[in-house]
Amino acid sequence: MLLSLCIALPALTAILLLFIPREQEQAARWLALAGTSATFIATLAVFAAFAPGEGAFQLVERISWIPSIGAEWHLGVDGISLFLVLLTSLLSVLCILGSWTNIRERIKEFHFFFLLLETGMIGVFLALDLFVFYVMWEVMLVPMFFLIGVWGGPRRVYATIKFFLFTMAGSVLMLVGILYVYFHTTDPATGLHTFNLLLATEQSQFPLAVQTWLFLAFAVAFAIKVPLFPFHTWLPDAHTEAPTAGSVILAGVLLKMGTYGFLRFCLPMFPGATVKFVPLISILAIVGILYGALMAMVQKDVKRLVAYSSVAHLGFVMLGTFALNLEGLSGSLLQQINHGISTGALFFLVGVIYDRRHTRMVGDYGGIAKVMPVYATLFMIIALSSVGLPGLNGFVGEFLILLGTFAYNSTYAVFGTAGIILAAVYLMWMYQRVFFGEIKHEENLKLKDVTPREALIIGVLVVLAIWIGVYPDPFLSRMQPSLELVLTRFQETGLSQVIVP
């Protein structure tokens, strides 16, 4: 029941929070930290119990939930979901620590919604039942709505409504697709329809025309979440208006729901349609890479710059996924983890100077490396990891994605490489304007360097960035067997369906 424990711990902690009086703010913070830390330890136990070299789902738990509709509490973990679960639990601990002083109102409610969000995120990655998956997908929506809407910036209402409408539109289309799959999947043991994902994948021998519609129903929901160009417009507003913890978890985990969905559902269940849509999605991914980078280049708000960089980085992830080879898929999955580490750290770092100056405008800074040397060093390491410097995590993921993309289509790879160059331009240019030169604003002379708590949060992510950059094998060796299973099904079914409709 280890996987159920990973989902239950944050939910139980959220319930316990309800019994704490509102005025006991420190108790609420410590309880939330204890709950997220316990969840992180439970996910480490999952990692320890996970057998490398096996692609199938492990630690599977299956309990009948609603027999009349064939819904089960069915969980499992494989090489695709393992590190996403670990990333979720780690970032959740860091977010609680990062919110220790900058969340000053409705503290109990903030942590309650954050713990509910963690429950939904882990549930999505572990669900092997389409009904459970959809419930967990929707569970995430409400807490994120309140995190941005209550604790966000001046335009939080606009950003929240936009986020809600985009996500809901995608969810409804996905629900239609899930229902169609449900009515065409039968449990051999009972003869009844079932939401079992493994059976649905095995029995999803749909004609190409049907696959096309089902692919679109799922893909729109996932593309909004990625966000794939042109479904990205909600992201910069949501990132900019969210509190620091909200931005971190949005970039670090929630955007991965879309890329995870493509890997878990679209590729194995609709392989023929996947082949058909490869050119379109690859081109949209490249447009996203270039558009996100160019938009980041002209931003005056550092947080908005990082938000647009996410559009570019996630475009890169999509390009690797739809290269449909092991190098591309491995790079794509690893880059999802890398993006969670690097961009999550960037949002933490932006939050540090915002807490001190209450401004994120590039023009309000300049020369602050002189008064914040440790902060400037940590920022430089993370910025370099984000642009893919060899020896840091971003390089490994981007290299594998380019390798896979070049094997599929060298033109796509050339455009993808241009995105990497642009990323170096906008991040280094921003760094130069914020950290170097003379200090022109007197307020910046009083800026204090990072506190031990802030150094701990960023330090953990820096260590991970270096670890993956230097020795990525522990990650790749656990991911690749599961990715090979996805590729095997795609190669056996997808190509034949497109070539012989």
Protein backbone atom coordinates (compact mmCIF):
# COMPACT_ATOMS: atom_id res chain seq x y z
CA MET A 1 0.00 0.00 0.00
CA LEU A 2 3.02 2.24 -0.43
CA LEU A 3 1.60 4.09 -3.43
CA SER A 4 -1.71 4.74 -1.68
CA LEU A 5 0.27 6.12 1.25
CA CYS A 6 1.99 8.63 -1.06
CA ILE A 7 -1.44 9.97 -2.08
CA ALA A 8 -3.04 9.70 1.37
CA LEU A 9 -0.35 11.47 3.43
CA PRO A 10 -0.85 15.00 2.00
CA ALA A 11 -4.64 14.53 2.01
CA LEU A 12 -4.65 13.42 5.67
CA THR A 13 -2.37 16.32 6.60
CA ALA A 14 -4.77 18.72 4.89
CA ILE A 15 -7.64 17.29 6.95
CA LEU A 16 -5.60 17.64 10.18
CA LEU A 17 -4.96 21.29 9.31
CA LEU A 18 -8.68 21.93 9.58
CA PHE A 19 -8.50 21.21 13.33
CA ILE A 20 -5.79 23.80 13.99
CA PRO A 21 -7.08 27.22 15.16
CA ARG A 22 -6.48 29.91 12.55
CA GLU A 23 -4.35 32.04 14.89
CA GLN A 24 -1.80 29.22 15.39
CA GLU A 25 0.05 30.07 12.19
CA GLN A 26 3.37 28.45 13.07
CA ALA A 27 1.61 25.17 13.95
CA ALA A 28 -0.03 25.17 10.52
CA ARG A 29 3.35 25.73 8.82
CA TRP A 30 5.08 22.98 10.80
CA LEU A 31 2.25 20.50 10.21
CA ALA A 32 2.31 21.17 6.46
CA LEU A 33 6.09 20.74 6.45
CA ALA A 34 5.77 17.47 8.37
CA GLY A 35 3.11 16.19 5.95
CA THR A 36 5.05 17.03 2.79
CA SER A 37 8.28 15.68 4.32
CA ALA A 38 6.58 12.39 5.22
CA THR A 39 5.24 12.18 1.67
CA PHE A 40 8.73 12.78 0.28
CA ILE A 41 10.09 9.96 2.48
CA ALA A 42 7.31 7.66 1.23
CA THR A 43 8.23 8.43 -2.40
CA LEU A 44 11.88 7.72 -1.58
CA ALA A 45 10.71 4.31 -0.31
CA VAL A 46 8.98 3.82 -3.68
CA PHE A 47 12.26 4.67 -5.42
CA ALA A 48 14.15 2.19 -3.22
CA ALA A 49 11.61 -0.57 -3.92
CA PHE A 50 11.58 0.10 -7.68
CA ALA A 51 13.50 -2.51 -9.67
CA PRO A 52 15.65 -0.89 -12.41
CA GLY A 53 15.70 -2.64 -15.77
CA GLU A 54 12.00 -3.55 -15.73
CA GLY A 55 9.63 -1.60 -17.95
CA ALA A 56 6.32 -2.89 -16.61
CA PHE A 57 4.35 -1.26 -13.78
CA GLN A 58 5.59 -2.13 -10.31
CA LEU A 59 4.17 -1.97 -6.76
CA VAL A 60 0.72 -2.34 -8.32
CA GLU A 61 -2.27 -1.88 -6.00
CA ARG A 62 -5.77 -2.82 -7.14
CA ILE A 63 -8.93 -2.57 -5.07
CA SER A 64 -12.51 -2.53 -6.33
CA TRP A 65 -13.93 0.97 -5.81
CA ILE A 66 -17.24 1.41 -7.66
CA PRO A 67 -18.03 -2.07 -9.07
CA SER A 68 -21.23 -0.95 -10.80
CA ILE A 69 -19.25 1.19 -13.28
CA GLY A 70 -16.03 -0.85 -13.25
CA ALA A 71 -13.94 1.79 -11.44
CA GLU A 72 -11.05 0.56 -9.31
CA TRP A 73 -8.48 2.12 -6.99
CA HIS A 74 -5.73 0.93 -9.33
CA LEU A 75 -2.24 2.35 -8.90
CA GLY A 76 1.21 1.52 -10.25
CA VAL A 77 4.57 3.10 -10.97
CA ASP A 78 6.94 2.63 -13.90
CA GLY A 79 10.03 4.38 -15.22
CA ILE A 80 7.90 7.12 -16.76
CA SER A 81 6.10 8.12 -13.56
CA LEU A 82 8.78 7.31 -10.93
CA PHE A 83 10.82 10.51 -11.17
CA LEU A 84 7.79 12.72 -11.73
CA VAL A 85 6.39 11.49 -8.40
CA LEU A 86 9.73 12.12 -6.69
CA LEU A 87 9.96 15.60 -8.24
CA THR A 88 6.44 16.41 -7.02
CA SER A 89 7.11 15.40 -3.42
CA LEU A 90 10.50 17.15 -3.31
CA LEU A 91 9.24 20.43 -4.77
CA SER A 92 6.28 20.32 -2.37
CA VAL A 93 8.62 20.27 0.65
CA LEU A 94 10.69 23.10 -0.84
CA CYS A 95 7.57 25.14 -1.62
CA ILE A 96 6.36 24.89 1.98
CA LEU A 97 9.81 26.02 3.16
CA GLY A 98 9.88 28.77 0.54
CA SER A 99 6.49 30.09 1.69
CA TRP A 100 7.57 30.22 5.36
CA THR A 101 7.78 34.02 5.51
CA ASN A 102 6.23 35.36 2.29
CA ILE A 103 2.73 33.94 2.91
CA ARG A 104 1.37 36.12 5.70
CA GLU A 105 -2.40 35.91 5.26
CA ARG A 106 -4.75 32.94 5.53
CA ILE A 107 -1.77 30.71 6.28
CA LYS A 108 -3.81 27.68 7.29
CA GLU A 109 -5.94 27.87 4.14
CA PHE A 110 -2.88 28.29 1.91
CA HIS A 111 -1.29 25.10 3.22
CA PHE A 112 -4.61 23.25 3.07
CA PHE A 113 -4.99 23.97 -0.64
CA PHE A 114 -1.32 23.24 -1.32
CA LEU A 115 -1.58 19.79 0.29
CA LEU A 116 -4.73 19.03 -1.71
CA LEU A 117 -2.83 20.03 -4.84
CA GLU A 118 -0.02 17.63 -3.96
CA THR A 119 -2.57 14.84 -3.48
CA GLY A 120 -3.95 15.41 -6.97
CA MET A 121 -0.54 15.67 -8.63
CA ILE A 122 0.80 12.42 -7.18
CA GLY A 123 -2.53 10.72 -7.90
CA VAL A 124 -2.36 11.65 -11.59
CA PHE A 125 1.10 10.12 -11.98
CA LEU A 126 0.19 6.87 -10.16
CA ALA A 127 -3.33 6.22 -11.51
CA LEU A 128 -3.83 3.12 -13.65
CA ASP A 129 -7.59 3.61 -13.81
CA LEU A 130 -8.99 6.23 -16.16
CA PHE A 131 -11.69 7.20 -13.65
CA VAL A 132 -9.12 7.74 -10.86
CA PHE A 133 -6.90 9.62 -13.31
CA TYR A 134 -9.70 12.01 -14.26
CA VAL A 135 -10.74 12.58 -10.64
CA MET A 136 -7.15 13.39 -9.66
CA TRP A 137 -6.77 15.63 -12.74
CA GLU A 138 -9.77 17.66 -11.60
CA VAL A 139 -8.67 17.62 -7.93
CA MET A 140 -5.64 19.68 -8.98
CA LEU A 141 -7.73 22.38 -10.62
CA VAL A 142 -9.55 23.76 -7.56
CA PRO A 143 -6.52 24.20 -5.23
CA MET A 144 -4.52 25.89 -8.00
CA PHE A 145 -7.50 28.16 -8.70
CA PHE A 146 -7.46 29.36 -5.06
CA LEU A 147 -3.65 29.53 -4.75
CA ILE A 148 -3.50 32.02 -7.63
CA GLY A 149 -6.83 33.72 -6.97
CA VAL A 150 -6.34 34.38 -3.22
CA TRP A 151 -2.56 34.70 -2.75
CA GLY A 152 -1.63 35.99 -6.22
CA GLY A 153 -0.66 39.40 -7.60
CA PRO A 154 -2.78 42.43 -8.61
CA ARG A 155 -4.23 40.76 -11.75
CA ARG A 156 -4.87 37.44 -10.02
CA VAL A 157 -8.60 37.29 -10.79
CA TYR A 158 -8.03 37.67 -14.53
CA ALA A 159 -5.20 35.09 -14.47
CA THR A 160 -7.25 32.64 -12.40
CA ILE A 161 -10.31 32.77 -14.62
CA LYS A 162 -8.20 32.36 -17.74
CA PHE A 163 -6.38 29.37 -16.21
CA PHE A 164 -9.68 27.82 -15.10
CA LEU A 165 -11.44 28.23 -18.46
CA PHE A 166 -8.53 26.85 -20.50
CA THR A 167 -8.07 23.85 -18.22
CA MET A 168 -11.79 23.10 -17.96
CA ALA A 169 -12.22 23.20 -21.75
CA GLY A 170 -9.47 20.63 -22.16
CA SER A 171 -10.81 18.48 -19.34
CA VAL A 172 -14.28 18.21 -20.87
CA LEU A 173 -12.88 17.05 -24.20
CA MET A 174 -10.71 14.49 -22.41
CA LEU A 175 -13.75 13.22 -20.49
CA VAL A 176 -15.54 12.54 -23.78
CA GLY A 177 -12.50 10.58 -24.96
CA ILE A 178 -12.32 8.61 -21.70
CA LEU A 179 -16.00 7.67 -21.94
CA TYR A 180 -15.56 6.42 -25.52
CA VAL A 181 -12.58 4.30 -24.48
CA TYR A 182 -14.54 3.00 -21.45
CA PHE A 183 -17.44 1.77 -23.60
CA HIS A 184 -14.98 -0.07 -25.86
CA THR A 185 -12.99 -1.75 -23.07
CA THR A 186 -14.15 -4.93 -21.39
CA ASP A 187 -12.78 -6.73 -18.34
CA PRO A 188 -12.36 -10.40 -19.40
CA ALA A 189 -12.95 -11.53 -15.81
CA THR A 190 -16.36 -9.87 -15.39
CA GLY A 191 -17.44 -9.15 -18.96
CA LEU A 192 -18.26 -5.57 -17.88
CA HIS A 193 -16.90 -2.27 -19.15
CA THR A 194 -13.87 -1.06 -17.24
CA PHE A 195 -11.69 2.03 -16.79
CA ASN A 196 -8.58 -0.15 -16.43
CA LEU A 197 -5.81 1.70 -18.30
CA LEU A 198 -3.81 -1.45 -19.03
CA LEU A 199 -6.81 -3.21 -20.57
CA ALA A 200 -7.81 -0.04 -22.43
CA THR A 201 -4.34 0.19 -23.98
CA GLU A 202 -4.35 -3.51 -24.87
CA GLN A 203 -7.84 -3.38 -26.43
CA SER A 204 -7.53 0.02 -28.16
CA GLN A 205 -7.38 -1.38 -31.68
CA PHE A 206 -9.46 1.45 -33.08
CA PRO A 207 -9.68 2.28 -36.80
CA LEU A 208 -7.44 5.16 -37.79
CA ALA A 209 -10.36 7.60 -38.19
CA VAL A 210 -11.59 6.86 -34.66
CA GLN A 211 -8.06 7.09 -33.30
CA THR A 212 -7.74 10.51 -34.88
CA TRP A 213 -10.76 11.89 -33.01
CA LEU A 214 -9.75 10.24 -29.73
CA PHE A 215 -6.19 11.52 -30.10
CA LEU A 216 -7.53 15.05 -30.58
CA ALA A 217 -9.84 14.78 -27.55
CA PHE A 218 -6.96 13.80 -25.28
CA ALA A 219 -4.32 15.92 -27.03
CA VAL A 220 -6.16 19.24 -26.64
CA ALA A 221 -6.35 18.73 -22.85
CA PHE A 222 -2.68 17.80 -22.69
CA ALA A 223 -1.57 20.54 -25.12
CA ILE A 224 -3.25 23.19 -22.92
CA LYS A 225 -1.46 21.84 -19.89
CA VAL A 226 1.99 21.63 -21.60
CA PRO A 227 1.35 24.44 -22.88
CA LEU A 228 1.88 23.84 -26.59
CA PHE A 229 1.68 26.84 -28.94
CA PRO A 230 -1.01 28.26 -29.55
CA PHE A 231 -2.62 26.97 -26.31
CA HIS A 232 -0.05 28.77 -24.13
CA THR A 233 -1.66 32.17 -23.54
CA TRP A 234 -2.88 31.35 -20.01
CA LEU A 235 0.62 30.46 -18.80
CA PRO A 236 2.48 33.83 -18.58
CA ASP A 237 -0.45 35.41 -16.70
CA ALA A 238 -0.82 32.48 -14.30
CA HIS A 239 2.92 32.36 -13.60
CA THR A 240 3.23 36.12 -13.14
CA GLU A 241 0.29 36.46 -10.77
CA ALA A 242 0.83 33.27 -8.72
CA PRO A 243 2.70 33.40 -5.40
CA THR A 244 6.25 32.01 -5.53
CA ALA A 245 5.20 28.52 -4.39
CA GLY A 246 2.40 28.50 -6.96
CA SER A 247 4.78 29.46 -9.78
CA VAL A 248 7.28 26.81 -8.70
CA ILE A 249 4.76 23.99 -8.55
CA LEU A 250 3.05 25.16 -11.75
CA ALA A 251 6.32 25.10 -13.70
CA GLY A 252 7.85 22.17 -11.84
CA VAL A 253 4.95 19.74 -11.92
CA LEU A 254 1.64 20.91 -13.39
CA LEU A 255 3.04 21.59 -16.85
CA LYS A 256 4.39 18.01 -16.85
CA MET A 257 0.84 16.66 -16.67
CA GLY A 258 0.45 17.46 -20.35
CA THR A 259 3.71 15.92 -21.52
CA TYR A 260 3.08 12.92 -19.25
CA GLY A 261 -0.40 12.54 -20.76
CA PHE A 262 1.00 12.36 -24.29
CA LEU A 263 3.46 9.67 -23.21
CA ARG A 264 0.99 7.66 -21.13
CA PHE A 265 -2.15 7.90 -23.25
CA CYS A 266 -1.74 9.26 -26.78
CA LEU A 267 1.33 7.31 -27.90
CA PRO A 268 0.39 3.82 -26.62
CA MET A 269 -3.40 4.03 -27.07
CA PHE A 270 -3.56 5.80 -30.42
CA PRO A 271 -0.30 4.91 -32.18
CA GLY A 272 -1.66 5.30 -35.71
CA ALA A 273 -3.00 8.79 -35.02
CA THR A 274 0.27 9.65 -33.28
CA VAL A 275 2.20 8.96 -36.47
CA LYS A 276 -0.32 11.02 -38.42
CA PHE A 277 0.07 14.06 -36.12
CA VAL A 278 3.86 13.98 -35.76
CA PRO A 279 4.56 16.71 -38.37
CA LEU A 280 1.88 19.08 -37.02
CA ILE A 281 2.90 18.73 -33.37
CA SER A 282 6.61 18.93 -34.21
CA ILE A 283 6.07 22.19 -36.10
CA LEU A 284 3.94 23.63 -33.27
CA ALA A 285 6.67 22.60 -30.81
CA ILE A 286 9.31 24.43 -32.89
CA VAL A 287 7.11 27.53 -33.15
CA GLY A 288 6.71 27.38 -29.35
CA ILE A 289 10.48 27.11 -28.87
CA LEU A 290 11.22 30.15 -31.02
CA TYR A 291 8.20 32.22 -29.98
CA GLY A 292 8.78 31.55 -26.25
CA ALA A 293 12.45 32.50 -26.57
CA LEU A 294 11.75 35.71 -28.53
CA MET A 295 9.03 36.77 -26.10
CA ALA A 296 11.32 36.06 -23.13
CA MET A 297 13.94 38.29 -24.72
CA VAL A 298 11.74 41.41 -24.61
CA GLN A 299 10.27 40.98 -21.12
CA LYS A 300 11.02 43.65 -18.50
CA ASP A 301 9.63 41.52 -15.65
CA VAL A 302 12.06 38.75 -14.64
CA LYS A 303 9.25 36.41 -13.60
CA ARG A 304 7.45 36.87 -16.89
CA LEU A 305 10.73 36.19 -18.69
CA VAL A 306 11.06 32.86 -16.85
CA ALA A 307 7.40 32.10 -17.66
CA TYR A 308 7.97 32.55 -21.40
CA SER A 309 11.14 30.46 -21.14
CA SER A 310 8.88 27.60 -19.98
CA VAL A 311 6.94 27.81 -23.24
CA ALA A 312 10.22 27.37 -25.12
CA HIS A 313 11.54 24.57 -22.89
CA LEU A 314 8.31 22.59 -22.98
CA GLY A 315 8.26 22.96 -26.78
CA PHE A 316 11.61 21.24 -26.71
CA VAL A 317 10.15 18.43 -24.60
CA MET A 318 7.34 17.95 -27.11
CA LEU A 319 9.81 17.89 -30.02
CA GLY A 320 11.69 15.04 -28.33
CA THR A 321 8.52 13.11 -27.53
CA PHE A 322 7.31 13.17 -31.12
CA ALA A 323 10.68 12.14 -32.54
CA LEU A 324 9.31 8.69 -31.60
CA ASN A 325 12.65 7.05 -30.90
CA LEU A 326 14.37 6.06 -27.65
CA GLU A 327 16.82 8.96 -27.64
CA GLY A 328 14.07 11.52 -28.16
CA LEU A 329 11.74 9.99 -25.59
CA SER A 330 14.54 9.59 -23.01
CA GLY A 331 15.66 13.17 -23.52
CA SER A 332 12.08 14.40 -23.34
CA LEU A 333 11.36 12.62 -20.05
CA LEU A 334 14.68 13.65 -18.51
CA GLN A 335 14.15 17.23 -19.68
CA GLN A 336 10.80 17.28 -17.88
CA ILE A 337 12.66 16.56 -14.64
CA ASN A 338 15.36 19.09 -15.56
CA HIS A 339 12.81 21.79 -16.27
CA GLY A 340 11.18 21.16 -12.89
CA ILE A 341 14.55 21.57 -11.18
CA SER A 342 15.94 24.53 -13.15
CA THR A 343 12.81 26.58 -13.74
CA GLY A 344 11.52 25.77 -10.25
CA ALA A 345 14.80 27.12 -8.88
CA LEU A 346 14.57 30.22 -11.09
CA PHE A 347 11.13 31.03 -9.70
CA PHE A 348 12.44 30.55 -6.15
CA LEU A 349 15.32 32.90 -6.95
CA VAL A 350 13.03 35.55 -8.42
CA GLY A 351 10.91 35.25 -5.27
CA VAL A 352 13.99 36.00 -3.11
CA ILE A 353 14.59 39.47 -4.60
CA TYR A 354 10.86 40.18 -4.85
CA ASP A 355 10.51 39.55 -1.10
CA ARG A 356 13.20 42.16 -0.46
CA ARG A 357 12.33 44.87 -3.02
CA HIS A 358 8.72 44.04 -4.00
CA THR A 359 9.60 44.53 -7.65
CA ARG A 360 10.62 42.11 -10.38
CA MET A 361 11.47 44.69 -13.04
CA VAL A 362 14.91 44.25 -14.59
CA GLY A 363 15.38 48.03 -14.65
CA ASP A 364 15.01 48.26 -10.85
CA TYR A 365 18.16 46.22 -10.31
CA GLY A 366 21.73 46.24 -11.66
CA GLY A 367 24.99 45.49 -9.89
CA ILE A 368 23.41 43.43 -7.12
CA ALA A 369 26.13 40.75 -7.36
CA LYS A 370 28.20 43.16 -5.20
CA VAL A 371 25.78 43.00 -2.29
CA MET A 372 24.39 39.46 -2.86
CA PRO A 373 27.38 37.35 -3.97
CA VAL A 374 25.98 33.95 -2.87
CA TYR A 375 22.65 34.72 -4.49
CA ALA A 376 24.41 35.79 -7.70
CA THR A 377 26.44 32.53 -7.75
CA LEU A 378 23.39 30.31 -7.23
CA PHE A 379 21.48 32.24 -9.90
CA MET A 380 24.34 31.83 -12.37
CA ILE A 381 24.54 28.03 -11.84
CA ILE A 382 20.81 27.62 -12.31
CA ALA A 383 20.72 29.92 -15.35
CA LEU A 384 23.52 27.89 -16.94
CA SER A 385 21.69 24.65 -16.19
CA SER A 386 18.61 26.11 -17.89
CA VAL A 387 20.54 26.99 -21.06
CA GLY A 388 22.12 23.52 -21.20
CA LEU A 389 25.76 24.02 -20.26
CA PRO A 390 27.71 20.69 -20.32
CA GLY A 391 28.14 19.33 -16.80
CA LEU A 392 24.68 20.51 -15.77
CA ASN A 393 21.33 18.78 -16.13
CA GLY A 394 19.91 20.72 -19.08
CA PHE A 395 22.71 19.61 -21.37
CA VAL A 396 21.95 15.88 -21.05
CA GLY A 397 18.25 16.28 -21.80
CA GLU A 398 18.71 18.69 -24.69
CA PHE A 399 21.49 16.59 -26.20
CA LEU A 400 19.31 13.46 -26.21
CA ILE A 401 16.34 15.38 -27.64
CA LEU A 402 18.49 16.79 -30.45
CA LEU A 403 19.98 13.36 -31.08
CA GLY A 404 16.53 11.80 -31.40
CA THR A 405 15.13 14.69 -33.43
CA PHE A 406 18.09 14.69 -35.83
CA ALA A 407 17.58 10.95 -36.45
CA TYR A 408 13.95 11.66 -37.32
CA ASN A 409 14.21 14.99 -39.15
CA SER A 410 17.41 17.04 -39.32
CA THR A 411 15.55 20.26 -40.26
CA TYR A 412 13.51 20.10 -37.04
CA ALA A 413 16.77 19.58 -35.12
CA VAL A 414 18.32 22.71 -36.66
CA PHE A 415 15.35 24.86 -35.59
CA GLY A 416 15.47 23.28 -32.12
CA THR A 417 19.14 24.21 -31.81
CA ALA A 418 18.29 27.82 -32.63
CA GLY A 419 16.03 27.80 -29.57
CA ILE A 420 18.96 26.77 -27.34
CA ILE A 421 21.03 29.67 -28.65
CA LEU A 422 18.19 32.12 -28.03
CA ALA A 423 17.77 30.77 -24.47
CA ALA A 424 21.42 31.58 -23.76
CA VAL A 425 20.89 35.09 -25.16
CA TYR A 426 17.85 36.07 -23.08
CA LEU A 427 19.00 34.50 -19.81
CA MET A 428 22.57 35.84 -19.95
CA TRP A 429 21.38 39.29 -21.08
CA MET A 430 18.97 39.43 -18.15
CA TYR A 431 21.74 38.24 -15.80
CA GLN A 432 24.09 40.94 -17.03
CA ARG A 433 21.53 43.72 -16.49
CA VAL A 434 20.44 42.53 -13.03
CA PHE A 435 23.76 41.48 -11.48
CA PHE A 436 26.57 43.43 -13.17
CA GLY A 437 27.39 47.12 -13.56
CA GLU A 438 27.01 49.94 -11.05
CA ILE A 439 24.29 49.97 -8.42
CA LYS A 440 21.99 52.78 -9.60
CA HIS A 441 19.22 52.40 -7.03
CA GLU A 442 20.12 53.14 -3.42
CA GLU A 443 17.61 50.59 -2.15
CA ASN A 444 19.73 47.84 -3.69
CA LEU A 445 22.69 48.74 -1.45
CA LYS A 446 20.68 47.44 1.51
CA LEU A 447 19.79 44.09 -0.06
CA LYS A 448 20.69 41.13 2.16
CA ASP A 449 22.16 37.96 0.71
CA VAL A 450 20.29 34.65 0.88
CA THR A 451 19.30 33.35 4.30
CA PRO A 452 20.24 29.78 5.36
CA ARG A 453 16.67 28.66 4.59
CA GLU A 454 16.79 30.13 1.07
CA ALA A 455 20.28 28.70 0.51
CA LEU A 456 19.04 25.25 1.56
CA ILE A 457 16.12 25.36 -0.91
CA ILE A 458 18.21 26.48 -3.88
CA GLY A 459 21.19 24.35 -2.80
CA VAL A 460 19.16 21.13 -3.03
CA LEU A 461 18.17 21.98 -6.59
CA VAL A 462 21.74 22.95 -7.52
CA VAL A 463 23.01 19.57 -6.27
CA LEU A 464 20.39 17.77 -8.37
CA ALA A 465 21.29 19.86 -11.43
CA ILE A 466 24.96 18.90 -11.09
CA TRP A 467 24.18 15.24 -10.31
CA ILE A 468 22.06 14.77 -13.45
CA GLY A 469 24.60 16.72 -15.51
CA VAL A 470 27.53 14.59 -14.39
CA TYR A 471 25.96 11.17 -13.81
CA PRO A 472 22.52 10.75 -15.43
CA ASP A 473 22.63 6.96 -15.60
CA PRO A 474 20.55 6.28 -12.42
CA PHE A 475 17.77 8.27 -14.06
CA LEU A 476 18.05 6.96 -17.63
CA SER A 477 18.44 3.31 -16.60
CA ARG A 478 15.10 3.42 -14.80
CA MET A 479 13.27 5.41 -17.51
CA GLN A 480 14.33 3.63 -20.67
CA PRO A 481 12.83 0.13 -20.17
CA SER A 482 9.35 1.68 -19.81
CA LEU A 483 9.92 3.97 -22.78
CA GLU A 484 10.99 0.96 -24.84
CA LEU A 485 7.62 -0.67 -24.11
CA VAL A 486 5.84 2.44 -25.42
CA LEU A 487 8.00 2.36 -28.55
CA THR A 488 7.43 -1.35 -29.12
CA ARG A 489 3.66 -0.92 -29.16
CA PHE A 490 3.96 2.12 -31.39
CA GLN A 491 6.23 0.31 -33.87
CA GLU A 492 4.05 -2.82 -33.94
CA THR A 493 0.75 -1.01 -34.41
CA GLY A 494 1.19 2.63 -35.33
CA LEU A 495 3.23 2.39 -38.48
CA SER A 496 1.16 -0.44 -39.95
CA GLN A 497 -2.07 1.48 -39.33
CA VAL A 498 -0.80 4.53 -41.19
CA ILE A 499 0.82 2.66 -44.04
CA VAL A 500 -2.14 0.27 -44.51
CA PRO A 501 -5.23 2.20 -43.32
